[in-house]
Amino acid sequence: MTTHEPLVEPLVEVAGLTVDFGSVRAVDGLSFTLEAGGALAVVGESGSGKSASAYALLGLHRGTGARVGGTVRVAGTDVNTADDRELRALRGAQAAMVFQDPLSSLDPYYPVGDQIA
């Protein structure tokens, strides 16, 4: 008798992500998988596509004129095909983003860990 671990869907799964702004390709073929409880660091020089990639994870490029390609799944939701209601349910409850200016995103009077939790 063989026991199998239950299949757990990755928390984030990105395959072949591209983000274009007009004729400029900011992200070109990014792929990664992040398991629940895992950690991922995205590093690179200014203009390398870090923020463009993060925006794509939450569907924040919608309505901006950016073209997003590839597959982006966050907490089981296909971000590229999700409707506005599904994205609202995903944002905040399952995934969130602290923008580059932390003073506009975080309150300096409260511990960061409490605000993220």
N, C-alpha and C. Protein backbone atom coordinates (compact mmCIF):
# COMPACT_ATOMS: atom_id res chain seq x y z
N MET A 1 0.84 -1.17 0.00
CA MET A 1 0.00 0.00 0.00
C MET A 1 0.88 1.24 0.00
N THR A 2 0.58 2.14 -0.89
CA THR A 2 1.36 3.35 -1.02
C THR A 2 0.53 4.52 -0.54
N THR A 3 1.14 5.34 0.30
CA THR A 3 0.45 6.56 0.72
C THR A 3 1.00 7.72 -0.08
N HIS A 4 0.14 8.59 -0.47
CA HIS A 4 0.54 9.76 -1.23
C HIS A 4 0.20 11.00 -0.45
N GLU A 5 1.12 11.93 -0.50
CA GLU A 5 0.85 13.22 0.11
C GLU A 5 -0.23 13.91 -0.71
N PRO A 6 -1.13 14.64 -0.08
CA PRO A 6 -2.14 15.37 -0.86
C PRO A 6 -1.46 16.41 -1.74
N LEU A 7 -1.97 16.57 -2.94
CA LEU A 7 -1.42 17.57 -3.83
C LEU A 7 -1.82 18.96 -3.35
N VAL A 8 -0.84 19.79 -3.16
CA VAL A 8 -1.07 21.16 -2.72
C VAL A 8 -0.70 22.08 -3.86
N GLU A 9 -1.63 22.91 -4.24
CA GLU A 9 -1.39 23.85 -5.34
C GLU A 9 -0.39 24.91 -4.89
N PRO A 10 0.56 25.29 -5.76
CA PRO A 10 1.50 26.35 -5.39
C PRO A 10 0.75 27.64 -5.06
N LEU A 11 1.32 28.44 -4.18
CA LEU A 11 0.72 29.73 -3.84
C LEU A 11 0.78 30.67 -5.03
N VAL A 12 1.93 30.70 -5.71
CA VAL A 12 2.11 31.54 -6.90
C VAL A 12 2.78 30.69 -7.97
N GLU A 13 2.23 30.77 -9.17
CA GLU A 13 2.81 30.05 -10.30
C GLU A 13 2.81 30.99 -11.50
N VAL A 14 3.99 31.30 -11.99
CA VAL A 14 4.16 32.21 -13.12
C VAL A 14 4.91 31.45 -14.22
N ALA A 15 4.36 31.50 -15.43
CA ALA A 15 5.00 30.81 -16.56
C ALA A 15 5.02 31.72 -17.79
N GLY A 16 6.21 32.03 -18.25
CA GLY A 16 6.37 32.82 -19.47
C GLY A 16 5.80 34.22 -19.41
N LEU A 17 5.86 34.86 -18.24
CA LEU A 17 5.29 36.20 -18.08
C LEU A 17 6.02 37.22 -18.95
N THR A 18 5.25 37.98 -19.70
CA THR A 18 5.77 39.12 -20.45
C THR A 18 4.93 40.34 -20.10
N VAL A 19 5.57 41.48 -20.02
CA VAL A 19 4.86 42.75 -19.81
C VAL A 19 5.46 43.75 -20.78
N ASP A 20 4.61 44.28 -21.65
CA ASP A 20 5.03 45.27 -22.64
C ASP A 20 4.34 46.60 -22.39
N PHE A 21 5.12 47.67 -22.49
CA PHE A 21 4.60 49.03 -22.44
C PHE A 21 4.90 49.65 -23.80
N GLY A 22 3.92 49.62 -24.69
CA GLY A 22 4.17 50.07 -26.05
C GLY A 22 5.18 49.16 -26.70
N SER A 23 6.27 49.74 -27.20
CA SER A 23 7.30 48.94 -27.86
C SER A 23 8.39 48.46 -26.89
N VAL A 24 8.25 48.78 -25.60
CA VAL A 24 9.24 48.39 -24.60
C VAL A 24 8.78 47.15 -23.87
N ARG A 25 9.60 46.10 -23.90
CA ARG A 25 9.30 44.88 -23.14
C ARG A 25 10.01 44.99 -21.80
N ALA A 26 9.22 45.14 -20.73
CA ALA A 26 9.77 45.29 -19.38
C ALA A 26 10.07 43.94 -18.74
N VAL A 27 9.26 42.92 -19.07
CA VAL A 27 9.45 41.57 -18.53
C VAL A 27 9.39 40.62 -19.71
N ASP A 28 10.35 39.72 -19.78
CA ASP A 28 10.46 38.84 -20.95
C ASP A 28 10.64 37.38 -20.53
N GLY A 29 9.52 36.67 -20.41
CA GLY A 29 9.58 35.22 -20.19
C GLY A 29 9.89 34.80 -18.76
N LEU A 30 9.44 35.54 -17.77
CA LEU A 30 9.69 35.20 -16.37
C LEU A 30 8.85 33.99 -15.96
N SER A 31 9.49 33.01 -15.32
CA SER A 31 8.78 31.83 -14.81
C SER A 31 9.31 31.48 -13.43
N PHE A 32 8.41 31.18 -12.51
CA PHE A 32 8.80 30.70 -11.18
C PHE A 32 7.58 30.11 -10.49
N THR A 33 7.83 29.31 -9.47
CA THR A 33 6.78 28.75 -8.64
C THR A 33 7.14 29.03 -7.19
N LEU A 34 6.16 29.47 -6.42
CA LEU A 34 6.36 29.73 -4.99
C LEU A 34 5.36 28.89 -4.22
N GLU A 35 5.88 27.97 -3.42
CA GLU A 35 5.03 27.10 -2.62
C GLU A 35 4.56 27.84 -1.37
N ALA A 36 3.43 27.44 -0.83
CA ALA A 36 2.93 28.03 0.42
C ALA A 36 3.99 27.88 1.50
N GLY A 37 4.24 28.93 2.24
CA GLY A 37 5.25 28.93 3.28
C GLY A 37 6.65 29.23 2.78
N GLY A 38 6.81 29.34 1.46
CA GLY A 38 8.11 29.62 0.87
C GLY A 38 8.39 31.10 0.83
N ALA A 39 9.56 31.45 0.36
CA ALA A 39 9.96 32.84 0.22
C ALA A 39 10.64 33.01 -1.13
N LEU A 40 10.50 34.18 -1.69
CA LEU A 40 11.11 34.50 -2.98
C LEU A 40 11.63 35.92 -2.93
N ALA A 41 12.86 36.12 -3.32
CA ALA A 41 13.43 37.46 -3.42
C ALA A 41 13.62 37.78 -4.89
N VAL A 42 13.16 38.95 -5.30
CA VAL A 42 13.35 39.40 -6.68
C VAL A 42 14.29 40.60 -6.61
N VAL A 43 15.45 40.46 -7.21
CA VAL A 43 16.44 41.53 -7.17
C VAL A 43 16.86 41.88 -8.59
N GLY A 44 17.29 43.09 -8.77
CA GLY A 44 17.77 43.52 -10.07
C GLY A 44 17.94 45.02 -10.06
N GLU A 45 18.60 45.50 -11.09
CA GLU A 45 18.86 46.94 -11.18
C GLU A 45 17.57 47.69 -11.49
N SER A 46 17.60 48.98 -11.32
CA SER A 46 16.47 49.82 -11.62
C SER A 46 16.06 49.63 -13.09
N GLY A 47 14.78 49.45 -13.33
CA GLY A 47 14.28 49.28 -14.69
C GLY A 47 14.34 47.85 -15.21
N SER A 48 14.66 46.89 -14.34
CA SER A 48 14.80 45.50 -14.79
C SER A 48 13.48 44.74 -14.81
N GLY A 49 12.38 45.35 -14.37
CA GLY A 49 11.07 44.70 -14.46
C GLY A 49 10.54 44.13 -13.16
N LYS A 50 11.17 44.42 -12.04
CA LYS A 50 10.71 43.89 -10.75
C LYS A 50 9.30 44.37 -10.42
N SER A 51 9.07 45.66 -10.48
CA SER A 51 7.75 46.20 -10.16
C SER A 51 6.71 45.78 -11.19
N ALA A 52 7.09 45.78 -12.46
CA ALA A 52 6.16 45.36 -13.51
C ALA A 52 5.72 43.91 -13.28
N SER A 53 6.63 43.07 -12.82
CA SER A 53 6.29 41.68 -12.50
C SER A 53 5.35 41.60 -11.31
N ALA A 54 5.65 42.37 -10.27
CA ALA A 54 4.81 42.35 -9.07
C ALA A 54 3.40 42.86 -9.37
N TYR A 55 3.28 43.90 -10.17
CA TYR A 55 1.97 44.41 -10.55
C TYR A 55 1.17 43.34 -11.29
N ALA A 56 1.86 42.56 -12.13
CA ALA A 56 1.18 41.51 -12.89
C ALA A 56 0.61 40.43 -11.98
N LEU A 57 1.24 40.19 -10.84
CA LEU A 57 0.75 39.16 -9.92
C LEU A 57 -0.62 39.50 -9.35
N LEU A 58 -0.92 40.78 -9.26
CA LEU A 58 -2.21 41.20 -8.70
C LEU A 58 -3.15 41.78 -9.75
N GLY A 59 -2.76 41.71 -11.01
CA GLY A 59 -3.61 42.24 -12.07
C GLY A 59 -3.70 43.75 -12.08
N LEU A 60 -2.67 44.42 -11.57
CA LEU A 60 -2.70 45.87 -11.45
C LEU A 60 -2.38 46.60 -12.75
N HIS A 61 -2.02 45.87 -13.81
CA HIS A 61 -1.77 46.50 -15.10
C HIS A 61 -3.05 46.75 -15.88
N ARG A 62 -4.16 46.19 -15.43
CA ARG A 62 -5.42 46.37 -16.16
C ARG A 62 -5.77 47.84 -16.29
N GLY A 63 -6.14 48.21 -17.49
CA GLY A 63 -6.55 49.59 -17.74
C GLY A 63 -5.41 50.56 -17.90
N THR A 64 -4.17 50.08 -17.89
CA THR A 64 -3.02 50.98 -18.00
C THR A 64 -2.45 51.05 -19.41
N GLY A 65 -2.88 50.16 -20.28
CA GLY A 65 -2.31 50.09 -21.62
C GLY A 65 -1.17 49.10 -21.74
N ALA A 66 -0.73 48.56 -20.61
CA ALA A 66 0.32 47.54 -20.65
C ALA A 66 -0.27 46.25 -21.21
N ARG A 67 0.54 45.50 -21.93
CA ARG A 67 0.13 44.19 -22.44
C ARG A 67 0.83 43.12 -21.61
N VAL A 68 0.03 42.24 -21.00
CA VAL A 68 0.56 41.17 -20.15
C VAL A 68 0.29 39.85 -20.84
N GLY A 69 1.33 39.02 -20.94
CA GLY A 69 1.19 37.70 -21.52
C GLY A 69 1.73 36.64 -20.58
N GLY A 70 1.52 35.40 -20.94
CA GLY A 70 1.96 34.29 -20.10
C GLY A 70 0.87 33.89 -19.12
N THR A 71 1.22 33.08 -18.16
CA THR A 71 0.28 32.59 -17.16
C THR A 71 0.68 33.07 -15.78
N VAL A 72 -0.29 33.61 -15.05
CA VAL A 72 -0.06 34.06 -13.68
C VAL A 72 -1.20 33.51 -12.83
N ARG A 73 -0.86 32.61 -11.90
CA ARG A 73 -1.86 32.05 -10.98
C ARG A 73 -1.42 32.38 -9.56
N VAL A 74 -2.32 32.99 -8.80
CA VAL A 74 -2.06 33.34 -7.40
C VAL A 74 -3.18 32.76 -6.56
N ALA A 75 -2.84 31.91 -5.60
CA ALA A 75 -3.82 31.28 -4.72
C ALA A 75 -4.95 30.63 -5.51
N GLY A 76 -4.59 29.98 -6.62
CA GLY A 76 -5.56 29.27 -7.43
C GLY A 76 -6.32 30.12 -8.42
N THR A 77 -6.10 31.42 -8.43
CA THR A 77 -6.80 32.33 -9.34
C THR A 77 -5.92 32.65 -10.53
N ASP A 78 -6.44 32.45 -11.74
CA ASP A 78 -5.73 32.86 -12.95
C ASP A 78 -5.93 34.37 -13.09
N VAL A 79 -4.92 35.12 -12.76
CA VAL A 79 -5.02 36.58 -12.70
C VAL A 79 -5.36 37.18 -14.06
N ASN A 80 -4.86 36.60 -15.13
CA ASN A 80 -5.08 37.18 -16.46
C ASN A 80 -6.51 37.00 -16.96
N THR A 81 -7.21 35.99 -16.47
CA THR A 81 -8.58 35.75 -16.93
C THR A 81 -9.63 36.06 -15.86
N ALA A 82 -9.20 36.37 -14.65
CA ALA A 82 -10.14 36.65 -13.56
C ALA A 82 -10.91 37.94 -13.84
N ASP A 83 -12.18 37.95 -13.42
CA ASP A 83 -12.94 39.19 -13.55
C ASP A 83 -12.63 40.10 -12.36
N ASP A 84 -13.18 41.31 -12.38
CA ASP A 84 -12.88 42.29 -11.33
C ASP A 84 -13.29 41.79 -9.95
N ARG A 85 -14.41 41.09 -9.85
CA ARG A 85 -14.86 40.56 -8.56
C ARG A 85 -13.86 39.56 -8.00
N GLU A 86 -13.36 38.67 -8.87
CA GLU A 86 -12.38 37.67 -8.43
C GLU A 86 -11.07 38.33 -7.99
N LEU A 87 -10.65 39.36 -8.71
CA LEU A 87 -9.42 40.05 -8.32
C LEU A 87 -9.59 40.78 -7.00
N ARG A 88 -10.73 41.40 -6.77
CA ARG A 88 -10.98 42.06 -5.48
C ARG A 88 -10.93 41.05 -4.34
N ALA A 89 -11.46 39.84 -4.56
CA ALA A 89 -11.43 38.80 -3.53
C ALA A 89 -10.00 38.33 -3.27
N LEU A 90 -9.18 38.32 -4.30
CA LEU A 90 -7.79 37.88 -4.17
C LEU A 90 -6.96 38.92 -3.43
N ARG A 91 -7.12 40.18 -3.80
CA ARG A 91 -6.31 41.26 -3.23
C ARG A 91 -6.67 41.50 -1.78
N GLY A 92 -5.67 41.51 -0.94
CA GLY A 92 -5.89 41.75 0.48
C GLY A 92 -6.15 40.47 1.24
N ALA A 93 -7.03 39.61 0.74
CA ALA A 93 -7.34 38.37 1.44
C ALA A 93 -6.27 37.31 1.23
N GLN A 94 -5.78 37.17 0.00
CA GLN A 94 -4.79 36.15 -0.33
C GLN A 94 -3.43 36.74 -0.68
N ALA A 95 -3.41 37.91 -1.25
CA ALA A 95 -2.16 38.51 -1.70
C ALA A 95 -2.25 40.03 -1.56
N ALA A 96 -1.13 40.64 -1.28
CA ALA A 96 -1.08 42.10 -1.15
C ALA A 96 0.30 42.57 -1.56
N MET A 97 0.42 43.86 -1.73
CA MET A 97 1.69 44.44 -2.18
C MET A 97 1.98 45.68 -1.36
N VAL A 98 3.22 45.81 -0.92
CA VAL A 98 3.69 47.04 -0.29
C VAL A 98 4.44 47.78 -1.39
N PHE A 99 3.94 48.93 -1.78
CA PHE A 99 4.51 49.67 -2.88
C PHE A 99 5.86 50.28 -2.51
N GLN A 100 6.57 50.80 -3.50
CA GLN A 100 7.95 51.22 -3.31
C GLN A 100 8.13 52.32 -2.28
N ASP A 101 7.15 53.17 -2.09
CA ASP A 101 7.25 54.21 -1.07
C ASP A 101 6.57 53.70 0.19
N PRO A 102 7.33 53.09 1.12
CA PRO A 102 6.70 52.46 2.27
C PRO A 102 5.93 53.42 3.16
N LEU A 103 6.28 54.70 3.17
CA LEU A 103 5.55 55.65 4.02
C LEU A 103 4.12 55.87 3.53
N SER A 104 3.87 55.63 2.24
CA SER A 104 2.50 55.76 1.75
C SER A 104 1.73 54.46 1.91
N SER A 105 2.43 53.35 2.19
CA SER A 105 1.79 52.04 2.31
C SER A 105 1.72 51.56 3.75
N LEU A 106 2.69 51.93 4.56
CA LEU A 106 2.78 51.44 5.94
C LEU A 106 2.74 52.61 6.91
N ASP A 107 2.17 52.37 8.06
CA ASP A 107 2.10 53.38 9.11
C ASP A 107 3.35 53.25 9.99
N PRO A 108 4.17 54.29 10.09
CA PRO A 108 5.42 54.18 10.84
C PRO A 108 5.22 54.01 12.35
N TYR A 109 4.00 54.19 12.85
CA TYR A 109 3.74 54.07 14.27
C TYR A 109 3.35 52.66 14.70
N TYR A 110 3.16 51.75 13.74
CA TYR A 110 2.78 50.37 14.05
C TYR A 110 3.85 49.41 13.54
N PRO A 111 4.09 48.33 14.26
CA PRO A 111 5.10 47.36 13.81
C PRO A 111 4.76 46.80 12.41
N VAL A 112 5.77 46.66 11.59
CA VAL A 112 5.59 46.19 10.22
C VAL A 112 4.93 44.81 10.22
N GLY A 113 5.38 43.93 11.09
CA GLY A 113 4.80 42.57 11.13
C GLY A 113 3.31 42.58 11.39
N ASP A 114 2.84 43.45 12.28
CA ASP A 114 1.41 43.56 12.55
C ASP A 114 0.65 44.06 11.33
N GLN A 115 1.23 45.01 10.60
CA GLN A 115 0.55 45.56 9.43
C GLN A 115 0.48 44.55 8.30
N ILE A 116 1.51 43.73 8.14
CA ILE A 116 1.52 42.74 7.08
C ILE A 116 0.57 41.59 7.41
N ALA A 117 0.55 41.20 8.67
CA ALA A 117 -0.34 40.10 9.09
C ALA A 117 -1.77 40.51 8.91
